[in-house]
Amino acid sequence: MTDTPLLDATGVAKSYGAVKALTDASLTVARGEVVALMGANGAGKSTFVKILTGALKPDTGRIVIDGREARMGSPAQARRSGLVPVYQEPSLIPDLDVRDNLRLGDTPVEPFRQWVEDLGIKGIRLSDMIGDLPLATLRILDLARALAAEPDVLLLDEMTAALPTDLVERVLKVVRDRADAGMGVIYVSHRFTEISQLCDRASVLRDGRTVGDLKIEPGVEDRAVELMLGEKISLGARESAAALAARSGTPRLSVKSLAAAPKLQDVSFDLHAGEVLGVVALEGQGQDELFDVLAGFRKPTGGTIEVEGRPARFAHPSEAIAAGLTYVPGNRSEALLAQRSVRENIALPFSAHPRTWGPLKMRTERERVDYAIEKLQIDTRAQGEVQRLSGGNQQKVTIGRWLATGVETLLLFDPTRGIDVRTKRQIYPLVRELAEKGAAVLFYTSELAEVRLACDRAVVIFNGRVVDVIDAADADEPTLMRAAYGLTGREGAA
């Protein structure tokens, strides 16, 4: 590494009216260095990332790349300056195939193909429609496209948040190799294990300003969290209660030999009121199809579903909701009205049935929405549009919607993907509280540590089938990982 930074951003500020998203953000990255950009949701990370990548213009500040001041007027200008991002949400157009998406970005095909293969994805064809591919595959395609551009600085925004462990390992290796070859990398992540494994330094934001720069070394996690939150907190896991000792009565949700194309083969489990049942699986093992079927987005090809002991089959998401199954997707943009306010988004289910309208219902609606906002500590400064909120606050809105209106069975698909440790610590107790009040929760997570933090037990799916059922007290990461790779003894129903 040379003494001259490859990237040097200083004094960056940005306001939206009265809301100061950034007041004094700075970041340096040397050639061959991986620097983590950290901060709680609402600290300004998303705004800083958008400014660095040309999606937003700063009010003040200076950005220098490889000794040249960069005028980040657009993403295209940022790319020409040598900085290429991979955003938290895929930037591929779903109605086009892979080839056309590459053409739009002037991406060379052969380097792209090679990077896709190096990153562990097989069988991708240029004629594949983007809208038909799973989220994890799209993240890898986005990264391959960025690497094919041969950037000086690569910015990865929660790159691994939607990836299973096997692909995470591939990504980390490729990124480290590129850094060792001289590339600079900005790594935005809330996963301390990845930051410790991959990064050289961490730059910490709080309340719109850079508050610390840390060398990655043992014990850095506690100091980073203290800087992010401005206070000392415990990172210890919840002491998980043993799985429900006796499950009596009719299950809230019962799935028997459920199958759905292309991956789900044979999944069975019972989910009871008052229980949080985790779902653990590597990418492409059938978890997407499972949640799609239960939420009414996909038709099963075999098996049965029972709700409160009665057979159920959903031709449309509205039928699943009517049966008491509510779905919070991993991609929060699918669940939000981006240009509507926080209150409108939370209150959306109240307006679904005109027969419930009226002064009394409106008062009840306001009270319940207020309760959800206070309970989840949702940032309502940007009242005009929910899209102006941080990712963590947006996710809290999607969950707050059902906290306000009530929930019988909640389907959570990776609900903490891409959010900070503080928001996660708000969501875990909330999930537990919902269960204690009688809700049944099915909780898929791509972070194995979350099983002990939030669940009573977990079903592990491999090759479209349940291969193990593990009580939370026994669900350490090595045990779950072995099961997720199919290296366990028992298959069968939960």
Protein backbone atom coordinates (compact mmCIF):
# COMPACT_ATOMS: atom_id res chain seq x y z
CA MET A 1 0.00 0.00 0.00
CA THR A 2 1.22 3.50 -0.80
CA ASP A 3 0.97 6.57 1.44
CA THR A 4 -1.44 8.32 -0.96
CA PRO A 5 -5.02 7.08 -0.46
CA LEU A 6 -6.75 5.55 -3.45
CA LEU A 7 -9.96 7.16 -2.15
CA ASP A 8 -10.08 10.24 0.06
CA ALA A 9 -13.51 11.64 0.95
CA THR A 10 -13.57 14.51 3.46
CA GLY A 11 -16.20 16.78 5.02
CA VAL A 12 -19.15 15.26 3.13
CA ALA A 13 -22.56 16.65 4.16
CA LYS A 14 -26.13 16.26 2.90
CA SER A 15 -29.49 17.53 4.14
CA TYR A 16 -33.09 16.90 3.15
CA GLY A 17 -34.85 20.00 4.36
CA ALA A 18 -34.68 19.92 8.15
CA VAL A 19 -33.29 16.38 8.20
CA LYS A 20 -29.47 16.32 8.25
CA ALA A 21 -28.54 12.93 6.84
CA LEU A 22 -24.80 13.71 6.86
CA THR A 23 -22.96 16.51 8.63
CA ASP A 24 -19.27 15.59 8.42
CA ALA A 25 -18.48 12.19 6.90
CA SER A 26 -14.98 11.18 5.87
CA LEU A 27 -13.39 8.00 4.52
CA THR A 28 -9.98 7.00 3.19
CA VAL A 29 -9.07 3.76 1.43
CA ALA A 30 -5.52 2.83 0.44
CA ARG A 31 -4.64 0.66 -2.53
CA GLY A 32 -4.86 -2.99 -1.46
CA GLU A 33 -7.01 -2.19 1.58
CA VAL A 34 -10.51 -3.30 2.62
CA VAL A 35 -12.24 -0.75 4.86
CA ALA A 36 -15.52 -1.49 6.62
CA LEU A 37 -18.06 1.35 6.71
CA MET A 38 -20.11 0.85 9.86
CA GLY A 39 -22.94 2.59 11.66
CA ALA A 40 -26.39 2.00 13.08
CA ASN A 41 -29.33 2.45 10.73
CA GLY A 42 -30.00 6.15 10.36
CA ALA A 43 -26.32 7.01 10.93
CA GLY A 44 -25.97 8.15 7.32
CA LYS A 45 -24.34 5.13 5.68
CA SER A 46 -26.86 4.88 2.86
CA THR A 47 -26.60 8.58 2.06
CA PHE A 48 -22.79 8.45 2.17
CA VAL A 49 -22.77 5.42 -0.14
CA LYS A 50 -25.07 7.15 -2.61
CA ILE A 51 -22.84 10.22 -2.64
CA LEU A 52 -19.68 8.18 -3.14
CA THR A 53 -21.29 6.33 -6.04
CA GLY A 54 -22.77 9.39 -7.74
CA ALA A 55 -26.43 8.67 -7.02
CA LEU A 56 -26.63 11.83 -4.86
CA LYS A 57 -24.81 15.16 -4.93
CA PRO A 58 -23.39 16.32 -1.59
CA ASP A 59 -24.11 19.75 -0.21
CA THR A 60 -20.45 20.09 0.79
CA GLY A 61 -17.34 17.92 0.81
CA ARG A 62 -14.57 16.66 -1.44
CA ILE A 63 -13.95 13.25 -3.01
CA VAL A 64 -10.56 12.36 -4.50
CA ILE A 65 -9.92 9.07 -6.33
CA ASP A 66 -6.34 8.11 -7.15
CA GLY A 67 -5.16 11.71 -6.73
CA ARG A 68 -7.88 13.25 -8.95
CA GLU A 69 -10.86 15.13 -7.58
CA ALA A 70 -14.00 13.31 -8.65
CA ARG A 71 -17.17 15.11 -9.67
CA MET A 72 -19.81 12.56 -8.70
CA GLY A 73 -22.71 13.96 -10.70
CA SER A 74 -24.06 10.56 -11.70
CA PRO A 75 -23.34 6.84 -11.25
CA ALA A 76 -21.82 6.82 -14.74
CA GLN A 77 -19.35 9.54 -13.73
CA ALA A 78 -18.46 7.62 -10.59
CA ARG A 79 -17.74 4.52 -12.67
CA ARG A 80 -15.57 6.52 -15.07
CA SER A 81 -13.66 7.83 -12.03
CA GLY A 82 -12.96 4.23 -11.05
CA LEU A 83 -15.51 3.60 -8.28
CA VAL A 84 -18.04 0.84 -8.95
CA PRO A 85 -20.74 -0.15 -6.45
CA VAL A 86 -22.77 -3.26 -5.72
CA TYR A 87 -25.83 -1.95 -3.93
CA GLN A 88 -27.83 -3.68 -1.21
CA GLU A 89 -30.71 -4.30 -3.63
CA PRO A 90 -29.87 -5.73 -7.08
CA SER A 91 -29.56 -3.10 -9.81
CA LEU A 92 -30.54 -5.49 -12.60
CA ILE A 93 -33.71 -4.98 -14.64
CA PRO A 94 -36.07 -7.92 -14.04
CA ASP A 95 -37.91 -7.67 -17.38
CA LEU A 96 -34.68 -8.12 -19.36
CA ASP A 97 -32.43 -11.14 -19.73
CA VAL A 98 -28.83 -11.35 -18.52
CA ARG A 99 -27.39 -10.39 -21.92
CA ASP A 100 -29.43 -7.20 -22.20
CA ASN A 101 -28.51 -6.17 -18.66
CA LEU A 102 -24.86 -6.55 -19.55
CA ARG A 103 -25.34 -4.44 -22.67
CA LEU A 104 -26.94 -1.63 -20.67
CA GLY A 105 -23.83 -1.38 -18.50
CA ASP A 106 -21.31 -2.00 -21.32
CA THR A 107 -20.11 -5.05 -19.40
CA PRO A 108 -17.75 -7.39 -21.28
CA VAL A 109 -19.32 -10.84 -21.47
CA GLU A 110 -16.34 -13.15 -21.07
CA PRO A 111 -14.90 -11.54 -17.91
CA PHE A 112 -18.43 -11.52 -16.49
CA ARG A 113 -18.83 -15.24 -17.20
CA GLN A 114 -15.50 -15.98 -15.53
CA TRP A 115 -16.36 -14.01 -12.40
CA VAL A 116 -19.75 -15.71 -12.12
CA GLU A 117 -18.02 -19.07 -12.20
CA ASP A 118 -15.32 -17.99 -9.74
CA LEU A 119 -18.04 -16.78 -7.37
CA GLY A 120 -19.67 -20.20 -7.30
CA ILE A 121 -22.74 -19.88 -9.54
CA LYS A 122 -23.18 -22.53 -12.19
CA GLY A 123 -25.55 -22.86 -15.12
CA ILE A 124 -26.30 -19.18 -15.74
CA ARG A 125 -27.26 -18.51 -19.36
CA LEU A 126 -27.24 -15.12 -21.04
CA SER A 127 -30.83 -15.78 -22.10
CA ASP A 128 -32.04 -16.23 -18.49
CA MET A 129 -34.61 -13.63 -17.46
CA ILE A 130 -33.46 -11.66 -14.42
CA GLY A 131 -36.95 -11.78 -12.91
CA ASP A 132 -36.81 -15.59 -12.81
CA LEU A 133 -33.59 -15.78 -10.78
CA PRO A 134 -33.40 -15.94 -6.96
CA LEU A 135 -32.16 -12.96 -4.97
CA ALA A 136 -28.85 -14.57 -3.99
CA THR A 137 -28.02 -15.29 -7.63
CA LEU A 138 -28.80 -11.69 -8.56
CA ARG A 139 -26.38 -10.44 -5.90
CA ILE A 140 -23.63 -12.61 -7.38
CA LEU A 141 -24.42 -11.44 -10.93
CA ASP A 142 -24.25 -7.83 -9.73
CA LEU A 143 -20.85 -8.46 -8.16
CA ALA A 144 -19.55 -10.27 -11.25
CA ARG A 145 -20.67 -7.35 -13.39
CA ALA A 146 -18.84 -4.90 -11.12
CA LEU A 147 -15.64 -6.96 -11.09
CA ALA A 148 -15.72 -7.25 -14.87
CA ALA A 149 -15.46 -3.43 -14.99
CA GLU A 150 -12.03 -3.65 -13.29
CA PRO A 151 -12.67 -0.81 -10.80
CA ASP A 152 -10.02 0.99 -8.77
CA VAL A 153 -12.43 1.09 -5.82
CA LEU A 154 -15.16 -1.50 -5.30
CA LEU A 155 -18.00 -0.58 -2.94
CA LEU A 156 -20.02 -3.48 -1.54
CA ASP A 157 -23.22 -2.54 0.31
CA GLU A 158 -24.37 -5.50 2.46
CA MET A 159 -23.10 -7.81 -0.27
CA THR A 160 -23.53 -11.02 1.73
CA ALA A 161 -26.80 -10.19 3.48
CA ALA A 162 -28.91 -12.40 1.18
CA LEU A 163 -26.30 -15.11 0.64
CA PRO A 164 -25.95 -18.55 2.24
CA THR A 165 -22.71 -19.43 3.96
CA ASP A 166 -21.15 -21.28 1.03
CA LEU A 167 -21.51 -18.28 -1.30
CA VAL A 168 -20.41 -15.89 1.44
CA GLU A 169 -17.11 -17.74 1.67
CA ARG A 170 -16.62 -17.47 -2.10
CA VAL A 171 -17.35 -13.74 -2.08
CA LEU A 172 -15.00 -13.01 0.81
CA LYS A 173 -12.17 -14.92 -0.85
CA VAL A 174 -12.61 -13.18 -4.19
CA VAL A 175 -12.81 -9.74 -2.58
CA ARG A 176 -9.71 -10.37 -0.47
CA ASP A 177 -7.83 -11.62 -3.52
CA ARG A 178 -8.77 -8.50 -5.51
CA ALA A 179 -7.64 -6.27 -2.65
CA ASP A 180 -4.33 -8.12 -2.42
CA ALA A 181 -3.93 -7.44 -6.15
CA GLY A 182 -4.21 -3.68 -5.52
CA MET A 183 -7.91 -2.84 -5.59
CA GLY A 184 -9.41 -0.70 -2.82
CA VAL A 185 -12.63 -1.98 -1.26
CA ILE A 186 -15.31 -0.27 0.84
CA TYR A 187 -17.28 -2.95 2.69
CA VAL A 188 -20.62 -2.00 4.22
CA SER A 189 -21.79 -4.75 6.56
CA HIS A 190 -23.35 -5.42 9.94
CA ARG A 191 -21.71 -8.84 10.25
CA PHE A 192 -18.78 -8.63 12.63
CA THR A 193 -17.45 -12.06 11.75
CA GLU A 194 -17.08 -11.05 8.09
CA ILE A 195 -15.56 -7.69 8.96
CA SER A 196 -13.03 -9.37 11.24
CA GLN A 197 -12.19 -11.92 8.55
CA LEU A 198 -11.98 -9.59 5.55
CA CYS A 199 -11.28 -6.00 6.54
CA ASP A 200 -8.14 -4.11 7.55
CA ARG A 201 -9.87 -1.13 9.18
CA ALA A 202 -13.36 0.08 10.10
CA SER A 203 -14.66 3.63 9.75
CA VAL A 204 -17.64 4.32 12.03
CA LEU A 205 -20.50 6.77 11.41
CA ARG A 206 -22.90 8.08 14.05
CA ASP A 207 -25.55 10.77 13.60
CA GLY A 208 -24.19 11.77 10.20
CA ARG A 209 -20.54 12.19 11.11
CA THR A 210 -17.45 9.99 11.21
CA VAL A 211 -16.72 9.26 14.88
CA GLY A 212 -13.88 6.75 14.73
CA ASP A 213 -11.41 4.75 12.69
CA LEU A 214 -10.50 1.33 14.08
CA LYS A 215 -7.86 -1.23 13.24
CA ILE A 216 -9.38 -4.70 12.95
CA GLU A 217 -8.04 -6.72 15.85
CA PRO A 218 -9.42 -8.97 18.62
CA GLY A 219 -12.05 -7.19 20.71
CA VAL A 220 -12.79 -4.53 18.08
CA GLU A 221 -16.49 -5.48 18.03
CA ASP A 222 -17.23 -3.99 21.46
CA ARG A 223 -15.44 -0.74 20.63
CA ALA A 224 -17.19 -0.47 17.24
CA VAL A 225 -20.63 -0.97 18.78
CA GLU A 226 -19.83 1.57 21.48
CA LEU A 227 -18.88 4.10 18.79
CA MET A 228 -21.94 3.33 16.67
CA LEU A 229 -24.42 3.68 19.51
CA GLY A 230 -22.64 6.15 21.75
CA GLU A 231 -23.09 3.74 24.64
CA LYS A 232 -21.93 0.37 25.87
CA ILE A 233 -24.24 -2.53 25.15
CA SER A 234 -24.08 -6.27 25.58
CA LEU A 235 -23.68 -8.41 22.50
CA GLY A 236 -24.47 -11.62 24.38
CA ALA A 237 -27.04 -13.98 22.89
CA ARG A 238 -30.49 -14.42 24.39
CA GLU A 239 -30.62 -17.36 26.74
CA SER A 240 -32.93 -19.47 24.65
CA ALA A 241 -35.65 -21.36 26.51
CA ALA A 242 -35.77 -25.04 25.71
CA ALA A 243 -38.10 -25.90 22.88
CA LEU A 244 -41.70 -26.20 24.05
CA ALA A 245 -41.65 -29.23 26.30
CA ALA A 246 -45.04 -30.44 25.28
CA ARG A 247 -46.97 -29.33 22.22
CA SER A 248 -50.62 -30.09 22.69
CA GLY A 249 -53.66 -29.08 20.77
CA THR A 250 -54.11 -28.35 17.11
CA PRO A 251 -51.14 -26.68 15.39
CA ARG A 252 -51.72 -23.21 14.05
CA LEU A 253 -50.00 -24.29 10.81
CA SER A 254 -49.30 -27.84 9.68
CA VAL A 255 -47.35 -28.68 6.53
CA LYS A 256 -47.15 -32.27 5.30
CA SER A 257 -44.91 -33.49 2.45
CA LEU A 258 -45.11 -30.09 0.78
CA ALA A 259 -43.49 -29.81 -2.66
CA ALA A 260 -43.19 -26.97 -5.15
CA ALA A 261 -41.16 -26.52 -8.33
CA PRO A 262 -38.30 -26.29 -8.80
CA LYS A 263 -36.56 -27.02 -5.46
CA LEU A 264 -39.04 -27.94 -2.71
CA GLN A 265 -39.35 -31.74 -2.54
CA ASP A 266 -40.76 -32.94 0.78
CA VAL A 267 -41.14 -30.62 3.77
CA SER A 268 -43.22 -31.33 6.85
CA PHE A 269 -43.54 -29.50 10.16
CA ASP A 270 -46.06 -28.28 12.74
CA LEU A 271 -46.06 -24.70 14.00
CA HIS A 272 -47.97 -23.94 17.20
CA ALA A 273 -49.34 -20.74 18.67
CA GLY A 274 -46.73 -19.18 20.91
CA GLU A 275 -43.81 -20.68 19.00
CA VAL A 276 -41.04 -19.22 16.84
CA LEU A 277 -39.92 -21.93 14.42
CA GLY A 278 -36.69 -21.19 12.58
CA VAL A 279 -35.95 -22.32 9.03
CA VAL A 280 -32.29 -22.87 8.13
CA ALA A 281 -31.04 -23.64 4.62
CA LEU A 282 -28.25 -22.82 2.22
CA GLU A 283 -29.14 -20.98 -0.96
CA GLY A 284 -31.51 -22.79 -3.33
CA GLN A 285 -32.60 -25.60 -1.02
CA GLY A 286 -36.31 -24.85 -1.30
CA GLN A 287 -36.86 -22.18 1.34
CA ASP A 288 -37.99 -19.59 -1.24
CA GLU A 289 -40.60 -21.97 -2.64
CA LEU A 290 -41.79 -22.87 0.88
CA PHE A 291 -42.51 -19.27 1.85
CA ASP A 292 -43.96 -18.46 -1.58
CA VAL A 293 -46.46 -21.32 -1.25
CA LEU A 294 -47.45 -20.39 2.31
CA ALA A 295 -47.85 -16.73 1.32
CA GLY A 296 -49.98 -17.56 -1.74
CA PHE A 297 -47.47 -16.51 -4.40
CA ARG A 298 -46.84 -20.01 -5.76
CA LYS A 299 -48.90 -23.17 -6.16
CA PRO A 300 -47.63 -26.39 -4.59
CA THR A 301 -47.04 -29.48 -6.70
CA GLY A 302 -47.68 -31.87 -3.83
CA GLY A 303 -48.45 -32.19 -0.13
CA THR A 304 -50.96 -30.47 2.13
CA ILE A 305 -51.32 -27.35 4.25
CA GLU A 306 -53.62 -27.12 7.26
CA VAL A 307 -54.47 -23.94 9.17
CA GLU A 308 -56.04 -24.54 12.58
CA GLY A 309 -56.68 -28.14 11.52
CA ARG A 310 -58.51 -27.19 8.32
CA PRO A 311 -57.14 -27.92 4.82
CA ALA A 312 -55.92 -24.79 3.03
CA ARG A 313 -54.76 -24.01 -0.47
CA PHE A 314 -53.99 -20.47 -1.59
CA ALA A 315 -54.47 -19.27 -5.14
CA HIS A 316 -53.58 -15.68 -4.23
CA PRO A 317 -51.79 -13.86 -1.38
CA SER A 318 -55.11 -12.36 -0.29
CA GLU A 319 -56.37 -15.88 0.46
CA ALA A 320 -53.35 -16.58 2.67
CA ILE A 321 -53.90 -13.31 4.53
CA ALA A 322 -57.60 -14.15 4.96
CA ALA A 323 -56.55 -17.47 6.51
CA GLY A 324 -54.38 -15.61 9.01
CA LEU A 325 -50.96 -15.98 7.35
CA THR A 326 -49.10 -12.68 6.95
CA TYR A 327 -45.80 -12.38 5.12
CA VAL A 328 -42.81 -10.06 5.64
CA PRO A 329 -40.46 -10.57 2.64
CA GLY A 330 -36.70 -10.31 2.79
CA ASN A 331 -36.82 -7.64 0.09
CA ARG A 332 -38.61 -4.88 1.99
CA SER A 333 -39.24 -2.88 -1.18
CA GLU A 334 -41.82 -5.55 -2.10
CA ALA A 335 -43.83 -4.76 1.04
CA LEU A 336 -43.75 -0.96 1.13
CA LEU A 337 -45.44 1.92 -0.65
CA ALA A 338 -42.19 3.80 -1.13
CA GLN A 339 -43.72 7.23 -1.76
CA ARG A 340 -46.19 7.03 1.10
CA SER A 341 -45.62 7.99 4.73
CA VAL A 342 -44.68 5.76 7.64
CA ARG A 343 -48.20 6.01 9.04
CA GLU A 344 -49.87 5.16 5.75
CA ASN A 345 -47.67 2.10 5.33
CA ILE A 346 -48.31 0.80 8.84
CA ALA A 347 -52.05 1.49 8.58
CA LEU A 348 -52.43 -0.18 5.18
CA PRO A 349 -54.21 -3.34 6.43
CA PHE A 350 -56.80 -1.21 8.25
CA SER A 351 -58.03 0.17 4.93
CA ALA A 352 -58.24 -3.20 3.19
CA HIS A 353 -61.93 -3.63 4.04
CA PRO A 354 -64.19 -0.58 3.54
CA ARG A 355 -66.75 -2.03 5.98
CA THR A 356 -64.31 -1.27 8.82
CA TRP A 357 -64.11 2.44 8.02
CA GLY A 358 -65.57 5.05 10.37
CA PRO A 359 -64.67 7.49 13.19
CA LEU A 360 -64.22 4.81 15.87
CA LYS A 361 -62.08 2.65 13.65
CA MET A 362 -59.99 5.65 12.61
CA ARG A 363 -59.29 6.46 16.25
CA THR A 364 -58.34 2.86 16.94
CA GLU A 365 -56.13 2.89 13.85
CA ARG A 366 -54.27 5.99 15.04
CA GLU A 367 -53.75 4.52 18.49
CA ARG A 368 -52.40 1.24 17.13
CA VAL A 369 -50.14 2.94 14.60
CA ASP A 370 -48.78 5.21 17.36
CA TYR A 371 -48.17 2.11 19.50
CA ALA A 372 -46.23 0.37 16.71
CA ILE A 373 -44.09 3.46 16.00
CA GLU A 374 -43.26 3.89 19.70
CA LYS A 375 -42.69 0.18 20.31
CA LEU A 376 -40.27 -0.16 17.40
CA GLN A 377 -38.73 3.32 17.81
CA ILE A 378 -39.33 4.03 14.12
CA ASP A 379 -37.70 7.22 12.86
CA THR A 380 -40.56 9.41 11.58
CA ARG A 381 -38.55 12.55 10.79
CA ALA A 382 -39.00 11.92 7.04
CA GLN A 383 -42.79 11.82 7.32
CA GLY A 384 -43.36 12.43 3.64
CA GLU A 385 -41.98 9.21 2.13
CA VAL A 386 -40.96 5.91 3.67
CA GLN A 387 -38.29 5.54 0.96
CA ARG A 388 -36.28 8.27 2.72
CA LEU A 389 -35.89 6.09 5.81
CA SER A 390 -32.85 3.94 6.49
CA GLY A 391 -33.10 0.26 5.59
CA GLY A 392 -33.55 -0.75 9.22
CA ASN A 393 -36.39 1.70 9.77
CA GLN A 394 -38.07 0.49 6.57
CA GLN A 395 -37.89 -3.08 7.84
CA LYS A 396 -39.39 -2.01 11.16
CA VAL A 397 -42.29 -0.45 9.25
CA THR A 398 -43.01 -3.78 7.49
CA ILE A 399 -43.13 -5.57 10.85
CA GLY A 400 -44.88 -2.70 12.64
CA ARG A 401 -47.77 -3.02 10.19
CA TRP A 402 -48.67 -6.40 11.69
CA LEU A 403 -47.86 -5.36 15.24
CA ALA A 404 -50.48 -2.63 14.86
CA THR A 405 -53.19 -4.71 13.22
CA GLY A 406 -52.60 -8.03 14.99
CA VAL A 407 -51.21 -11.25 13.61
CA GLU A 408 -52.07 -14.94 13.91
CA THR A 409 -49.29 -16.57 11.89
CA LEU A 410 -46.32 -14.48 10.78
CA LEU A 411 -44.03 -15.60 7.96
CA LEU A 412 -40.69 -13.78 8.33
CA PHE A 413 -38.21 -14.27 5.49
CA ASP A 414 -34.77 -13.07 6.56
CA PRO A 415 -36.23 -10.02 8.35
CA THR A 416 -32.90 -8.71 9.67
CA ARG A 417 -31.05 -8.87 6.34
CA GLY A 418 -28.95 -5.74 5.90
CA ILE A 419 -29.86 -4.00 9.16
CA ASP A 420 -27.66 -2.94 12.05
CA VAL A 421 -27.09 -4.61 15.40
CA ARG A 422 -29.24 -2.15 17.34
CA THR A 423 -32.28 -2.69 15.11
CA LYS A 424 -31.75 -6.45 15.26
CA ARG A 425 -31.80 -6.22 19.05
CA GLN A 426 -35.19 -4.51 18.76
CA ILE A 427 -36.62 -7.07 16.35
CA TYR A 428 -35.64 -10.23 18.27
CA PRO A 429 -37.58 -9.30 21.46
CA LEU A 430 -40.49 -8.14 19.32
CA VAL A 431 -40.70 -11.52 17.60
CA ARG A 432 -40.60 -13.19 21.03
CA GLU A 433 -43.29 -10.86 22.33
CA LEU A 434 -45.57 -11.60 19.39
CA ALA A 435 -45.20 -15.32 20.12
CA GLU A 436 -45.87 -14.82 23.83
CA LYS A 437 -49.11 -13.05 22.91
CA GLY A 438 -50.21 -16.08 20.90
CA ALA A 439 -48.81 -15.57 17.42
CA ALA A 440 -47.12 -18.41 15.56
CA VAL A 441 -43.94 -17.31 13.75
CA LEU A 442 -42.08 -19.05 10.94
CA PHE A 443 -38.65 -17.38 10.76
CA TYR A 444 -36.20 -18.04 7.92
CA THR A 445 -32.76 -16.59 8.59
CA SER A 446 -29.54 -16.59 6.61
CA GLU A 447 -27.62 -15.78 9.82
CA LEU A 448 -27.21 -18.97 11.83
CA ALA A 449 -26.64 -17.13 15.12
CA GLU A 450 -30.20 -15.79 14.99
CA VAL A 451 -31.72 -19.20 15.71
CA ARG A 452 -30.60 -19.03 19.33
CA LEU A 453 -31.49 -15.36 19.58
CA ALA A 454 -35.08 -15.59 18.37
CA CYS A 455 -36.31 -19.16 17.90
CA ASP A 456 -37.55 -22.07 20.00
CA ARG A 457 -36.31 -24.62 17.49
CA ALA A 458 -35.34 -24.83 13.84
CA VAL A 459 -36.05 -27.08 10.88
CA VAL A 460 -33.09 -27.50 8.56
CA ILE A 461 -33.78 -27.97 4.84
CA PHE A 462 -31.34 -29.60 2.46
CA ASN A 463 -32.09 -30.54 -1.15
CA GLY A 464 -35.73 -29.57 -0.69
CA ARG A 465 -36.28 -31.81 2.35
CA VAL A 466 -36.24 -31.41 6.12
CA VAL A 467 -33.07 -33.15 7.30
CA ASP A 468 -33.04 -32.14 10.96
CA VAL A 469 -35.04 -30.44 13.70
CA ILE A 470 -32.89 -28.77 16.34
CA ASP A 471 -33.90 -27.15 19.64
CA ALA A 472 -32.57 -23.59 20.01
CA ALA A 473 -30.49 -24.58 23.02
CA ASP A 474 -28.58 -27.04 20.81
CA ALA A 475 -28.51 -24.84 17.71
CA ASP A 476 -24.92 -23.64 17.72
CA GLU A 477 -23.53 -22.57 14.35
CA PRO A 478 -21.40 -25.69 13.70
CA THR A 479 -24.40 -27.96 14.35
CA LEU A 480 -26.64 -25.93 12.06
CA MET A 481 -24.00 -25.72 9.35
CA ARG A 482 -23.42 -29.47 9.31
CA ALA A 483 -27.14 -30.04 9.00
CA ALA A 484 -27.47 -27.40 6.27
CA TYR A 485 -24.88 -29.27 4.24
CA GLY A 486 -26.82 -32.51 4.73
CA LEU A 487 -24.24 -33.93 7.15
CA THR A 488 -26.72 -35.13 9.76
CA GLY A 489 -28.59 -38.20 10.70
CA ARG A 490 -32.28 -37.84 10.59
CA GLU A 491 -34.71 -36.79 7.91
CA GLY A 492 -38.39 -36.37 8.59
CA ALA A 493 -41.18 -34.24 9.86
CA ALA A 494 -40.88 -31.64 12.58
